[in-house]
Amino acid sequence: MDGTGWRPVKRTRTFEDVLAQIERRITEDGLTAGDRLPAERQLAEQLGVSRSSVREALRVLETLGVVSSQVGRGPDAGAVLTSRPDSALTDLLRLHLGLAGLEMREVIDARHMIEQWAAAHAASSGADTSALAAALAGMDGAKSAEEFVEHDTAFHCAIADASGNRFIAAIMRSLRDSMRKYSVEAVRRLGDTSVLRADHVRILEAVERGDAGEAVRAVSEHLAHAYPTLFR
């Protein structure tokens, strides 16, 4: 590693190595939206690769919405970071789910496993539950199935956030986004959302008490209420 913090990449490797180095640097340096990456030539020198490899890697990051290319010289040169890699990961996972042609039952099964784990860890760690409470309040004031699902999604994503695992949170957002239409249809079929609301209250209270076992049971029973024909 040189004095800049970049590891030279062997020229025989592909642009994927360059991409990995750039993503690692974004994470390790704590870069946020608006920060600028070094110019192509500087990146190529620091990584020990061709400018074409750097250019290809930056093009991929731009396609993913992680950076925005800038044309300029001196301090104005270099791509600008527009989002964190974890938000781009959520978009990629959502796209993959849409293209994979997965059955909704498979998505529900995945949600069940992930959300049980997340709820247990959120409860065990004494996580902040303010986002869950805010989402619950939003559900109470919902005037339509679409609005209810919007706050319901926020509630379940907040559980994943509270687990402290960012990858789990990204997967959960992708799963919820991929099944948004189905969720709206499910709420419309149920008509009365009082059972779902009671489930959310139970989950929230279990997490607040630090009762991991109850949080797991509450999540499982909630999914059974929400998707009775798919849950198993």
Protein backbone atom coordinates (compact mmCIF):
# COMPACT_ATOMS: atom_id res chain seq x y z
CA MET A 1 0.00 0.00 0.00
CA ASP A 2 1.37 3.43 -0.90
CA GLY A 3 1.10 6.64 1.11
CA THR A 4 -2.32 7.41 -0.35
CA GLY A 5 -3.93 4.33 1.16
CA TRP A 6 -4.53 2.65 -2.21
CA ARG A 7 -3.19 -0.85 -2.93
CA PRO A 8 -1.59 -1.18 -6.40
CA VAL A 9 -3.56 -3.64 -8.52
CA LYS A 10 -1.76 -6.04 -10.87
CA ARG A 11 -2.24 -5.03 -14.49
CA THR A 12 -3.26 -8.57 -15.41
CA ARG A 13 -6.41 -8.25 -13.33
CA THR A 14 -9.76 -6.95 -14.53
CA PHE A 15 -11.56 -3.72 -13.83
CA GLU A 16 -13.41 -5.58 -11.06
CA ASP A 17 -10.30 -5.34 -8.90
CA VAL A 18 -10.23 -1.61 -9.47
CA LEU A 19 -13.93 -1.43 -8.62
CA ALA A 20 -13.33 -3.30 -5.37
CA GLN A 21 -10.48 -0.93 -4.42
CA ILE A 22 -12.59 2.15 -5.07
CA GLU A 23 -15.55 0.78 -3.08
CA ARG A 24 -13.21 -0.17 -0.22
CA ARG A 25 -11.76 3.33 -0.13
CA ILE A 26 -15.21 4.91 -0.11
CA THR A 27 -16.14 2.81 2.92
CA GLU A 28 -12.85 3.06 4.86
CA ASP A 29 -12.50 6.83 4.37
CA GLY A 30 -16.09 7.42 5.41
CA LEU A 31 -16.81 9.33 2.21
CA THR A 32 -20.34 10.67 1.80
CA ALA A 33 -22.46 12.18 -0.96
CA GLY A 34 -20.71 15.25 -2.42
CA ASP A 35 -17.16 14.05 -1.76
CA ARG A 36 -14.90 13.78 -4.78
CA LEU A 37 -12.77 10.82 -5.84
CA PRO A 38 -9.29 11.41 -7.34
CA ALA A 39 -9.10 12.08 -11.08
CA GLU A 40 -8.72 9.14 -13.49
CA ARG A 41 -4.99 9.66 -14.02
CA GLN A 42 -4.34 9.90 -10.27
CA LEU A 43 -6.42 6.80 -9.56
CA ALA A 44 -4.60 4.88 -12.29
CA GLU A 45 -1.20 5.85 -10.84
CA GLN A 46 -2.21 5.03 -7.28
CA LEU A 47 -3.64 1.64 -8.23
CA GLY A 48 -0.96 0.77 -10.79
CA VAL A 49 -3.44 0.11 -13.59
CA SER A 50 -4.38 1.63 -16.92
CA ARG A 51 -6.69 4.62 -17.13
CA SER A 52 -9.06 2.51 -19.24
CA SER A 53 -9.50 0.09 -16.31
CA VAL A 54 -10.24 2.99 -13.97
CA ARG A 55 -12.62 4.51 -16.50
CA GLU A 56 -14.53 1.23 -16.85
CA ALA A 57 -14.82 0.84 -13.08
CA LEU A 58 -16.09 4.41 -12.70
CA ARG A 59 -18.60 3.81 -15.48
CA VAL A 60 -20.02 0.85 -13.54
CA LEU A 61 -20.24 2.93 -10.36
CA GLU A 62 -22.02 5.67 -12.29
CA THR A 63 -24.51 3.16 -13.70
CA LEU A 64 -25.20 1.96 -10.17
CA GLY A 65 -25.80 5.54 -9.05
CA VAL A 66 -22.81 5.59 -6.69
CA VAL A 67 -20.88 8.35 -8.48
CA SER A 68 -21.52 11.11 -10.97
CA SER A 69 -18.81 11.76 -13.54
CA GLN A 70 -17.42 15.30 -13.69
CA VAL A 71 -15.39 16.91 -16.46
CA GLY A 72 -12.76 19.37 -15.30
CA ARG A 73 -9.19 20.01 -14.28
CA GLY A 74 -7.38 20.40 -10.99
CA PRO A 75 -9.69 20.39 -7.96
CA ASP A 76 -12.74 20.05 -10.22
CA ALA A 77 -11.55 16.77 -11.74
CA GLY A 78 -12.76 13.38 -10.54
CA ALA A 79 -16.10 11.67 -10.01
CA VAL A 80 -18.40 12.93 -7.26
CA LEU A 81 -19.93 10.45 -4.83
CA THR A 82 -23.72 10.58 -5.04
CA SER A 83 -24.67 7.75 -2.69
CA ARG A 84 -23.20 5.08 -0.46
CA PRO A 85 -22.48 1.62 -1.93
CA ASP A 86 -25.01 0.01 0.43
CA SER A 87 -27.88 1.99 -1.13
CA ALA A 88 -26.73 0.88 -4.58
CA LEU A 89 -26.69 -2.69 -3.29
CA THR A 90 -30.34 -2.38 -2.35
CA ASP A 91 -31.19 -1.29 -5.91
CA LEU A 92 -29.19 -4.17 -7.39
CA LEU A 93 -30.84 -6.76 -5.17
CA ARG A 94 -34.29 -5.40 -5.99
CA LEU A 95 -33.51 -5.58 -9.72
CA HIS A 96 -32.21 -9.13 -9.39
CA LEU A 97 -35.34 -10.21 -7.53
CA GLY A 98 -37.48 -8.72 -10.28
CA LEU A 99 -35.54 -10.47 -13.05
CA ALA A 100 -35.18 -13.82 -11.30
CA GLY A 101 -38.88 -14.64 -11.59
CA LEU A 102 -39.02 -15.82 -7.99
CA GLU A 103 -42.30 -17.07 -6.57
CA MET A 104 -43.80 -14.88 -3.87
CA ARG A 105 -43.70 -17.81 -1.47
CA GLU A 106 -39.92 -17.88 -1.83
CA VAL A 107 -39.72 -14.17 -1.02
CA ILE A 108 -41.96 -14.63 2.04
CA ASP A 109 -39.81 -17.52 3.26
CA ALA A 110 -36.71 -15.35 2.95
CA ARG A 111 -38.42 -12.50 4.79
CA HIS A 112 -39.40 -14.87 7.56
CA MET A 113 -35.83 -16.02 8.20
CA ILE A 114 -34.28 -12.57 7.87
CA GLU A 115 -36.84 -10.71 9.92
CA GLN A 116 -36.81 -13.21 12.77
CA TRP A 117 -33.04 -12.81 13.02
CA ALA A 118 -33.28 -9.02 12.81
CA ALA A 119 -36.00 -8.77 15.45
CA ALA A 120 -34.06 -11.01 17.84
CA HIS A 121 -30.88 -8.95 17.46
CA ALA A 122 -32.76 -5.66 17.77
CA ALA A 123 -34.32 -6.85 21.02
CA SER A 124 -31.09 -8.27 22.42
CA SER A 125 -29.10 -5.12 21.69
CA GLY A 126 -31.56 -2.67 23.22
CA ALA A 127 -31.87 -0.85 19.91
CA ASP A 128 -33.57 2.50 19.45
CA THR A 129 -37.23 1.86 18.56
CA SER A 130 -38.26 5.40 17.67
CA ALA A 131 -38.40 4.60 13.94
CA LEU A 132 -40.68 1.63 14.61
CA ALA A 133 -42.99 3.79 16.75
CA ALA A 134 -43.11 6.49 14.06
CA ALA A 135 -44.02 3.93 11.40
CA LEU A 136 -46.74 2.50 13.63
CA ALA A 137 -48.20 5.97 14.10
CA GLY A 138 -48.15 6.40 10.33
CA MET A 139 -50.12 3.18 9.88
CA ASP A 140 -52.74 4.46 12.34
CA GLY A 141 -53.32 7.52 10.17
CA ALA A 142 -53.26 5.72 6.81
CA LYS A 143 -56.19 6.50 4.53
CA SER A 144 -55.54 3.82 1.90
CA ALA A 145 -53.96 0.42 1.45
CA GLU A 146 -51.05 2.03 -0.39
CA GLU A 147 -50.40 4.45 2.47
CA PHE A 148 -50.68 1.66 5.04
CA VAL A 149 -48.14 -0.46 3.15
CA GLU A 150 -45.77 2.51 2.90
CA HIS A 151 -45.63 2.80 6.69
CA ASP A 152 -45.71 -0.98 7.11
CA THR A 153 -42.63 -1.17 4.90
CA ALA A 154 -40.92 1.51 6.99
CA PHE A 155 -41.71 -0.50 10.15
CA HIS A 156 -40.18 -3.72 8.89
CA CYS A 157 -37.16 -1.99 7.40
CA ALA A 158 -36.67 -0.25 10.76
CA ILE A 159 -36.48 -3.67 12.42
CA ALA A 160 -33.69 -4.60 10.02
CA ASP A 161 -31.92 -1.29 10.70
CA ALA A 162 -32.24 -1.87 14.44
CA SER A 163 -30.46 -5.22 14.09
CA GLY A 164 -27.26 -3.28 13.38
CA ASN A 165 -26.42 -5.31 10.27
CA ARG A 166 -26.34 -3.09 7.18
CA PHE A 167 -26.33 -6.00 4.75
CA ILE A 168 -29.45 -7.45 6.36
CA ALA A 169 -31.04 -3.99 6.11
CA ALA A 170 -30.20 -3.78 2.39
CA ILE A 171 -31.66 -7.22 1.73
CA MET A 172 -34.80 -6.37 3.68
CA ARG A 173 -35.38 -3.18 1.70
CA SER A 174 -34.97 -5.10 -1.54
CA LEU A 175 -37.41 -7.78 -0.46
CA ARG A 176 -39.99 -5.25 0.70
CA ASP A 177 -39.68 -3.16 -2.47
CA SER A 178 -40.00 -6.23 -4.69
CA MET A 179 -43.28 -7.27 -3.03
CA ARG A 180 -44.85 -3.83 -2.58
CA LYS A 181 -47.63 -4.45 -5.12
CA TYR A 182 -48.47 -7.82 -3.59
CA SER A 183 -48.50 -6.29 -0.10
CA VAL A 184 -51.04 -3.66 -1.18
CA GLU A 185 -53.25 -6.38 -2.65
CA ALA A 186 -52.95 -8.40 0.58
CA VAL A 187 -54.03 -5.43 2.70
CA ARG A 188 -57.00 -4.80 0.41
CA ARG A 189 -58.07 -8.44 0.72
CA LEU A 190 -57.86 -8.27 4.51
CA GLY A 191 -59.87 -5.05 4.63
CA ASP A 192 -59.56 -4.67 8.41
CA THR A 193 -55.97 -3.90 9.40
CA SER A 194 -56.57 -4.13 13.14
CA VAL A 195 -54.96 -7.57 13.38
CA LEU A 196 -51.88 -6.37 11.52
CA ARG A 197 -51.68 -3.31 13.76
CA ALA A 198 -51.89 -5.50 16.87
CA ASP A 199 -49.07 -7.61 15.46
CA HIS A 200 -46.91 -4.54 14.97
CA VAL A 201 -47.58 -3.37 18.52
CA ARG A 202 -46.60 -6.80 19.82
CA ILE A 203 -43.34 -6.76 17.85
CA LEU A 204 -42.51 -3.24 19.00
CA GLU A 205 -43.19 -4.02 22.66
CA ALA A 206 -41.10 -7.20 22.51
CA VAL A 207 -38.15 -5.30 21.05
CA GLU A 208 -38.54 -2.55 23.65
CA ARG A 209 -38.54 -5.11 26.48
CA GLY A 210 -35.51 -6.83 25.05
CA ASP A 211 -37.46 -10.09 24.72
CA ALA A 212 -35.82 -11.72 21.70
CA GLY A 213 -37.90 -14.91 21.89
CA GLU A 214 -41.18 -13.03 21.90
CA ALA A 215 -39.99 -10.76 19.09
CA VAL A 216 -39.28 -13.82 16.94
CA ARG A 217 -42.68 -15.35 17.69
CA ALA A 218 -44.45 -12.06 17.01
CA VAL A 219 -42.78 -11.67 13.62
CA SER A 220 -43.63 -15.24 12.64
CA GLU A 221 -47.29 -14.93 13.58
CA HIS A 222 -47.54 -11.54 11.90
CA LEU A 223 -46.39 -12.96 8.56
CA ALA A 224 -48.87 -15.82 8.95
CA HIS A 225 -51.67 -13.25 9.42
CA ALA A 226 -50.53 -11.10 6.51
CA TYR A 227 -49.94 -13.93 4.00
CA PRO A 228 -52.06 -16.90 5.16
CA THR A 229 -51.97 -18.69 1.79
CA LEU A 230 -48.22 -18.37 1.34
CA PHE A 231 -46.73 -18.59 4.80
CA ARG A 232 -45.61 -21.97 6.04
